[in-house]
Structure formats: C-alpha cells, structure tokens
Amino acid sequence: MSQARNSKNDSFYGVVAIALIYVFFQPRVWKELLLAAIGEQFTDFCGEADDVCGLSVSPREKDDLIQIWNVNSRAVEDSRVLEKVHMLMPDIRFNAEFYKRKQMINLI
C-alpha cells in the first residue's frame, strides 16, 4: 500500500469517497464494499500511487454515510472508486456521492 506523506509534519493526506444511502440498503452495501476491499477489487479504479486504505459506515436516522478511504489525495482526479461501487451494486440508488480530501495525523 502506498502512503502519501507530508514530511513537514508527518501527516497522511487522503481522499474519502462519500456516499449517502437509505438505511434499508446499508447491510448489503457494507457487505459488498468489505468483500470488494478484501478482494482488492478497487485497485484498478484508484489513481496512480493510490490505494483504498479503509471503509467506514456512520449510521444516521434517515441516510447512512458510507466512506471509502484512499491514501493519496493527489490522485483524486484519477480516482474512479465510486464508478466501481456502482458496478458492484447497479440496483442501489445513492442519495449523494462526492470526494473529499482529508488530512490524517500520524500519531506513531
């Protein structure tokens, strides 16, 4: 797995693909994303020098928030992770989806 580092403060910069889904679909979407991540199915859909490094789900009252974490924020323009998500689950309608850059501090 590649890691984009900022040597100035030893932080990691990444991108998170965010999708909002109706609560009813969350268990299926979560299972499909976990299996895809474990099976490295996102590899061809990430930008150069990038990789998926995590998944998270945040339950909400109406729509659950699904996050797919990428390592390299500089590769966001080449990322097609959400395209792969739609290929895995073509019958699921996502209420919103977008990419957001994040900074994660390395505490080690």
N, C-alpha and C. Protein backbone atom coordinates (compact mmCIF):
# COMPACT_ATOMS: atom_id res chain seq x y z
N MET A 1 0.84 -1.17 0.00
CA MET A 1 0.00 0.00 0.00
C MET A 1 0.89 1.23 0.00
N SER A 2 0.59 2.16 -0.87
CA SER A 2 1.37 3.39 -0.92
C SER A 2 0.84 4.39 0.11
N GLN A 3 1.71 5.29 0.53
CA GLN A 3 1.31 6.30 1.50
C GLN A 3 1.85 7.65 1.06
N ALA A 4 0.97 8.63 1.00
CA ALA A 4 1.39 9.99 0.68
C ALA A 4 1.67 10.70 1.99
N ARG A 5 2.90 11.18 2.17
CA ARG A 5 3.29 11.83 3.42
C ARG A 5 3.69 13.26 3.17
N ASN A 6 3.39 14.06 4.13
CA ASN A 6 3.88 15.43 4.16
C ASN A 6 5.00 15.43 5.19
N SER A 7 6.25 15.50 4.74
CA SER A 7 7.38 15.37 5.65
C SER A 7 7.45 16.50 6.67
N LYS A 8 6.82 17.63 6.39
CA LYS A 8 6.87 18.77 7.30
C LYS A 8 6.28 18.44 8.67
N ASN A 9 5.13 17.78 8.67
CA ASN A 9 4.52 17.45 9.96
C ASN A 9 4.15 15.97 10.07
N ASP A 10 4.67 15.15 9.18
CA ASP A 10 4.46 13.71 9.21
C ASP A 10 2.97 13.33 9.22
N SER A 11 2.19 14.02 8.42
CA SER A 11 0.76 13.73 8.29
C SER A 11 0.52 12.91 7.02
N PHE A 12 -0.58 12.20 7.01
CA PHE A 12 -1.01 11.49 5.82
C PHE A 12 -2.14 12.29 5.20
N TYR A 13 -2.12 12.40 3.90
CA TYR A 13 -3.19 13.08 3.20
C TYR A 13 -3.94 12.05 2.37
N GLY A 14 -5.23 12.03 2.46
CA GLY A 14 -6.00 11.05 1.72
C GLY A 14 -7.29 11.65 1.19
N VAL A 15 -8.02 10.81 0.52
CA VAL A 15 -9.29 11.18 -0.06
C VAL A 15 -10.32 10.20 0.44
N VAL A 16 -11.50 10.69 0.68
CA VAL A 16 -12.57 9.81 1.07
C VAL A 16 -13.71 9.98 0.07
N ALA A 17 -14.14 8.87 -0.49
CA ALA A 17 -15.33 8.87 -1.34
C ALA A 17 -16.52 8.67 -0.41
N ILE A 18 -17.46 9.57 -0.47
CA ILE A 18 -18.58 9.55 0.47
C ILE A 18 -19.87 9.30 -0.30
N ALA A 19 -20.69 8.41 0.22
CA ALA A 19 -21.99 8.13 -0.38
C ALA A 19 -23.03 8.04 0.72
N LEU A 20 -24.17 8.65 0.47
CA LEU A 20 -25.30 8.54 1.39
C LEU A 20 -26.28 7.53 0.82
N ILE A 21 -26.68 6.59 1.66
CA ILE A 21 -27.63 5.57 1.21
C ILE A 21 -28.78 5.46 2.20
N TYR A 22 -29.91 5.02 1.69
CA TYR A 22 -31.07 4.78 2.52
C TYR A 22 -30.72 3.67 3.53
N VAL A 23 -31.13 3.83 4.76
CA VAL A 23 -30.79 2.92 5.87
C VAL A 23 -31.07 1.46 5.52
N PHE A 24 -32.12 1.18 4.81
CA PHE A 24 -32.52 -0.18 4.46
C PHE A 24 -31.43 -0.92 3.69
N PHE A 25 -30.66 -0.21 2.85
CA PHE A 25 -29.64 -0.85 2.00
C PHE A 25 -28.29 -0.99 2.67
N GLN A 26 -28.10 -0.38 3.84
CA GLN A 26 -26.78 -0.33 4.47
C GLN A 26 -26.14 -1.70 4.67
N PRO A 27 -26.84 -2.73 5.20
CA PRO A 27 -26.16 -4.03 5.39
C PRO A 27 -25.62 -4.63 4.09
N ARG A 28 -26.38 -4.53 3.02
CA ARG A 28 -25.93 -5.09 1.74
C ARG A 28 -24.75 -4.30 1.19
N VAL A 29 -24.84 -2.98 1.22
CA VAL A 29 -23.76 -2.14 0.70
C VAL A 29 -22.49 -2.38 1.51
N TRP A 30 -22.61 -2.43 2.81
CA TRP A 30 -21.45 -2.66 3.68
C TRP A 30 -20.78 -3.99 3.34
N LYS A 31 -21.57 -5.04 3.19
CA LYS A 31 -21.02 -6.36 2.87
C LYS A 31 -20.30 -6.34 1.52
N GLU A 32 -20.92 -5.75 0.51
CA GLU A 32 -20.31 -5.69 -0.83
C GLU A 32 -19.00 -4.90 -0.81
N LEU A 33 -18.98 -3.79 -0.09
CA LEU A 33 -17.76 -2.98 -0.02
C LEU A 33 -16.64 -3.69 0.72
N LEU A 34 -16.98 -4.36 1.81
CA LEU A 34 -15.96 -5.12 2.54
C LEU A 34 -15.35 -6.21 1.68
N LEU A 35 -16.20 -6.96 1.00
CA LEU A 35 -15.70 -8.03 0.14
C LEU A 35 -14.85 -7.48 -1.00
N ALA A 36 -15.27 -6.35 -1.57
CA ALA A 36 -14.50 -5.74 -2.66
C ALA A 36 -13.14 -5.24 -2.16
N ALA A 37 -13.12 -4.66 -0.97
CA ALA A 37 -11.85 -4.17 -0.42
C ALA A 37 -10.91 -5.32 -0.09
N ILE A 38 -11.44 -6.36 0.54
CA ILE A 38 -10.62 -7.53 0.88
C ILE A 38 -10.09 -8.19 -0.39
N GLY A 39 -10.92 -8.27 -1.42
CA GLY A 39 -10.53 -8.87 -2.69
C GLY A 39 -9.75 -7.95 -3.61
N GLU A 40 -9.40 -6.76 -3.13
CA GLU A 40 -8.62 -5.77 -3.88
C GLU A 40 -9.25 -5.42 -5.22
N GLN A 41 -10.57 -5.36 -5.26
CA GLN A 41 -11.29 -5.04 -6.49
C GLN A 41 -11.24 -3.55 -6.83
N PHE A 42 -10.81 -2.71 -5.91
CA PHE A 42 -10.73 -1.28 -6.17
C PHE A 42 -9.41 -0.87 -6.81
N THR A 43 -8.44 -1.76 -6.87
CA THR A 43 -7.09 -1.44 -7.32
C THR A 43 -7.07 -0.74 -8.67
N ASP A 44 -7.79 -1.26 -9.65
CA ASP A 44 -7.78 -0.68 -10.99
C ASP A 44 -8.60 0.60 -11.09
N PHE A 45 -9.28 0.97 -10.03
CA PHE A 45 -10.15 2.15 -10.04
C PHE A 45 -9.57 3.29 -9.21
N CYS A 46 -8.39 3.09 -8.65
CA CYS A 46 -7.69 4.14 -7.90
C CYS A 46 -6.71 4.83 -8.84
N GLY A 47 -6.34 6.05 -8.49
CA GLY A 47 -5.34 6.76 -9.26
C GLY A 47 -3.97 6.13 -9.07
N GLU A 48 -3.00 6.65 -9.83
CA GLU A 48 -1.63 6.15 -9.71
C GLU A 48 -1.09 6.46 -8.33
N ALA A 49 -0.33 5.53 -7.76
CA ALA A 49 0.25 5.66 -6.42
C ALA A 49 -0.83 5.85 -5.36
N ASP A 50 -1.95 5.18 -5.53
CA ASP A 50 -3.07 5.30 -4.59
C ASP A 50 -3.59 3.91 -4.27
N ASP A 51 -4.33 3.83 -3.19
CA ASP A 51 -4.90 2.56 -2.77
C ASP A 51 -6.04 2.86 -1.80
N VAL A 52 -7.00 1.95 -1.71
CA VAL A 52 -8.04 2.06 -0.69
C VAL A 52 -7.43 1.56 0.61
N CYS A 53 -7.56 2.37 1.66
CA CYS A 53 -6.94 2.01 2.94
C CYS A 53 -7.97 1.84 4.06
N GLY A 54 -9.24 2.00 3.76
CA GLY A 54 -10.23 1.82 4.81
C GLY A 54 -11.65 2.07 4.35
N LEU A 55 -12.56 1.56 5.12
CA LEU A 55 -14.00 1.74 4.90
C LEU A 55 -14.62 2.10 6.24
N SER A 56 -15.67 2.91 6.19
CA SER A 56 -16.41 3.18 7.42
C SER A 56 -17.87 3.42 7.08
N VAL A 57 -18.71 3.17 8.06
CA VAL A 57 -20.13 3.46 7.93
C VAL A 57 -20.55 4.22 9.18
N SER A 58 -21.32 5.27 8.97
CA SER A 58 -21.84 6.06 10.08
C SER A 58 -23.36 6.03 10.00
N PRO A 59 -23.99 5.29 10.88
CA PRO A 59 -25.46 5.23 10.85
C PRO A 59 -26.07 6.59 11.17
N ARG A 60 -27.08 6.94 10.43
CA ARG A 60 -27.83 8.17 10.63
C ARG A 60 -29.31 7.79 10.73
N GLU A 61 -30.13 8.74 11.09
CA GLU A 61 -31.55 8.47 11.24
C GLU A 61 -32.21 8.10 9.91
N LYS A 62 -31.91 8.84 8.86
CA LYS A 62 -32.55 8.61 7.58
C LYS A 62 -31.62 7.95 6.57
N ASP A 63 -30.45 8.57 6.35
CA ASP A 63 -29.47 8.07 5.39
C ASP A 63 -28.18 7.74 6.13
N ASP A 64 -27.60 6.59 5.81
CA ASP A 64 -26.31 6.21 6.40
C ASP A 64 -25.18 6.76 5.53
N LEU A 65 -24.09 7.10 6.16
CA LEU A 65 -22.93 7.66 5.49
C LEU A 65 -21.90 6.56 5.32
N ILE A 66 -21.57 6.26 4.08
CA ILE A 66 -20.55 5.26 3.75
C ILE A 66 -19.30 6.02 3.29
N GLN A 67 -18.13 5.66 3.82
CA GLN A 67 -16.89 6.32 3.43
C GLN A 67 -15.89 5.27 2.96
N ILE A 68 -15.26 5.55 1.83
CA ILE A 68 -14.20 4.71 1.28
C ILE A 68 -12.94 5.56 1.28
N TRP A 69 -11.99 5.18 2.11
CA TRP A 69 -10.77 5.98 2.31
C TRP A 69 -9.68 5.58 1.33
N ASN A 70 -9.12 6.58 0.64
CA ASN A 70 -7.97 6.40 -0.23
C ASN A 70 -6.76 7.06 0.42
N VAL A 71 -5.58 6.63 0.05
CA VAL A 71 -4.36 7.12 0.66
C VAL A 71 -3.90 8.45 0.10
N ASN A 72 -3.89 8.60 -1.21
CA ASN A 72 -3.22 9.72 -1.86
C ASN A 72 -4.21 10.77 -2.36
N SER A 73 -4.24 11.91 -1.72
CA SER A 73 -5.18 12.97 -2.14
C SER A 73 -4.81 13.57 -3.49
N ARG A 74 -3.57 13.43 -3.90
CA ARG A 74 -3.15 13.98 -5.19
C ARG A 74 -3.71 13.15 -6.36
N ALA A 75 -4.21 11.98 -6.09
CA ALA A 75 -4.72 11.10 -7.14
C ALA A 75 -6.24 11.18 -7.29
N VAL A 76 -6.87 12.16 -6.65
CA VAL A 76 -8.33 12.25 -6.66
C VAL A 76 -8.89 12.41 -8.08
N GLU A 77 -8.18 13.12 -8.94
CA GLU A 77 -8.67 13.34 -10.30
C GLU A 77 -8.75 12.04 -11.09
N ASP A 78 -7.89 11.08 -10.76
CA ASP A 78 -7.86 9.81 -11.47
C ASP A 78 -8.69 8.73 -10.79
N SER A 79 -9.22 9.02 -9.63
CA SER A 79 -9.95 8.01 -8.87
C SER A 79 -11.31 7.73 -9.50
N ARG A 80 -11.62 6.44 -9.63
CA ARG A 80 -12.90 6.01 -10.16
C ARG A 80 -13.55 5.02 -9.18
N VAL A 81 -13.28 5.21 -7.90
CA VAL A 81 -13.78 4.30 -6.87
C VAL A 81 -15.31 4.26 -6.87
N LEU A 82 -15.94 5.42 -6.99
CA LEU A 82 -17.41 5.43 -7.00
C LEU A 82 -17.97 4.71 -8.23
N GLU A 83 -17.25 4.76 -9.33
CA GLU A 83 -17.65 4.00 -10.52
C GLU A 83 -17.68 2.50 -10.20
N LYS A 84 -16.67 2.02 -9.50
CA LYS A 84 -16.62 0.61 -9.10
C LYS A 84 -17.77 0.28 -8.15
N VAL A 85 -18.10 1.18 -7.24
CA VAL A 85 -19.21 0.95 -6.33
C VAL A 85 -20.51 0.74 -7.11
N HIS A 86 -20.72 1.55 -8.14
CA HIS A 86 -21.93 1.40 -8.96
C HIS A 86 -21.91 0.09 -9.76
N MET A 87 -20.72 -0.35 -10.16
CA MET A 87 -20.62 -1.64 -10.86
C MET A 87 -20.96 -2.80 -9.92
N LEU A 88 -20.55 -2.69 -8.66
CA LEU A 88 -20.83 -3.74 -7.68
C LEU A 88 -22.32 -3.83 -7.33
N MET A 89 -22.99 -2.69 -7.32
CA MET A 89 -24.40 -2.63 -6.89
C MET A 89 -25.19 -1.72 -7.81
N PRO A 90 -25.44 -2.16 -9.05
CA PRO A 90 -26.12 -1.28 -10.01
C PRO A 90 -27.57 -0.95 -9.65
N ASP A 91 -28.18 -1.74 -8.80
CA ASP A 91 -29.58 -1.51 -8.45
C ASP A 91 -29.76 -0.61 -7.22
N ILE A 92 -28.67 -0.21 -6.57
CA ILE A 92 -28.75 0.64 -5.39
C ILE A 92 -28.66 2.11 -5.83
N ARG A 93 -29.58 2.92 -5.35
CA ARG A 93 -29.56 4.36 -5.63
C ARG A 93 -28.95 5.07 -4.43
N PHE A 94 -27.88 5.80 -4.69
CA PHE A 94 -27.22 6.59 -3.64
C PHE A 94 -27.81 8.00 -3.66
N ASN A 95 -28.14 8.52 -2.49
CA ASN A 95 -28.77 9.83 -2.39
C ASN A 95 -27.79 10.97 -2.63
N ALA A 96 -26.53 10.75 -2.39
CA ALA A 96 -25.48 11.74 -2.66
C ALA A 96 -24.15 11.00 -2.72
N GLU A 97 -23.23 11.55 -3.47
CA GLU A 97 -21.88 10.98 -3.51
C GLU A 97 -20.90 12.06 -3.96
N PHE A 98 -19.72 12.03 -3.35
CA PHE A 98 -18.70 13.03 -3.67
C PHE A 98 -17.37 12.58 -3.08
N TYR A 99 -16.30 13.23 -3.53
CA TYR A 99 -14.97 13.01 -2.99
C TYR A 99 -14.62 14.19 -2.08
N LYS A 100 -13.91 13.90 -0.99
CA LYS A 100 -13.50 14.95 -0.06
C LYS A 100 -12.08 14.64 0.39
N ARG A 101 -11.23 15.64 0.34
CA ARG A 101 -9.84 15.46 0.80
C ARG A 101 -9.80 15.54 2.31
N LYS A 102 -8.97 14.69 2.92
CA LYS A 102 -8.84 14.63 4.39
C LYS A 102 -7.37 14.66 4.75
N GLN A 103 -7.08 15.13 5.95
CA GLN A 103 -5.73 15.05 6.50
C GLN A 103 -5.81 14.22 7.75
N MET A 104 -4.97 13.21 7.84
CA MET A 104 -4.93 12.33 8.99
C MET A 104 -3.55 12.45 9.64
N ILE A 105 -3.49 12.74 10.90
CA ILE A 105 -2.23 12.91 11.61
C ILE A 105 -1.69 11.55 12.02
N ASN A 106 -0.42 11.30 11.74
CA ASN A 106 0.25 10.07 12.14
C ASN A 106 0.66 10.21 13.61
N LEU A 107 0.05 9.43 14.47
CA LEU A 107 0.33 9.53 15.90
C LEU A 107 1.44 8.60 16.37
N ILE A 108 1.98 7.82 15.48
CA ILE A 108 3.02 6.86 15.88
C ILE A 108 4.39 7.49 15.75
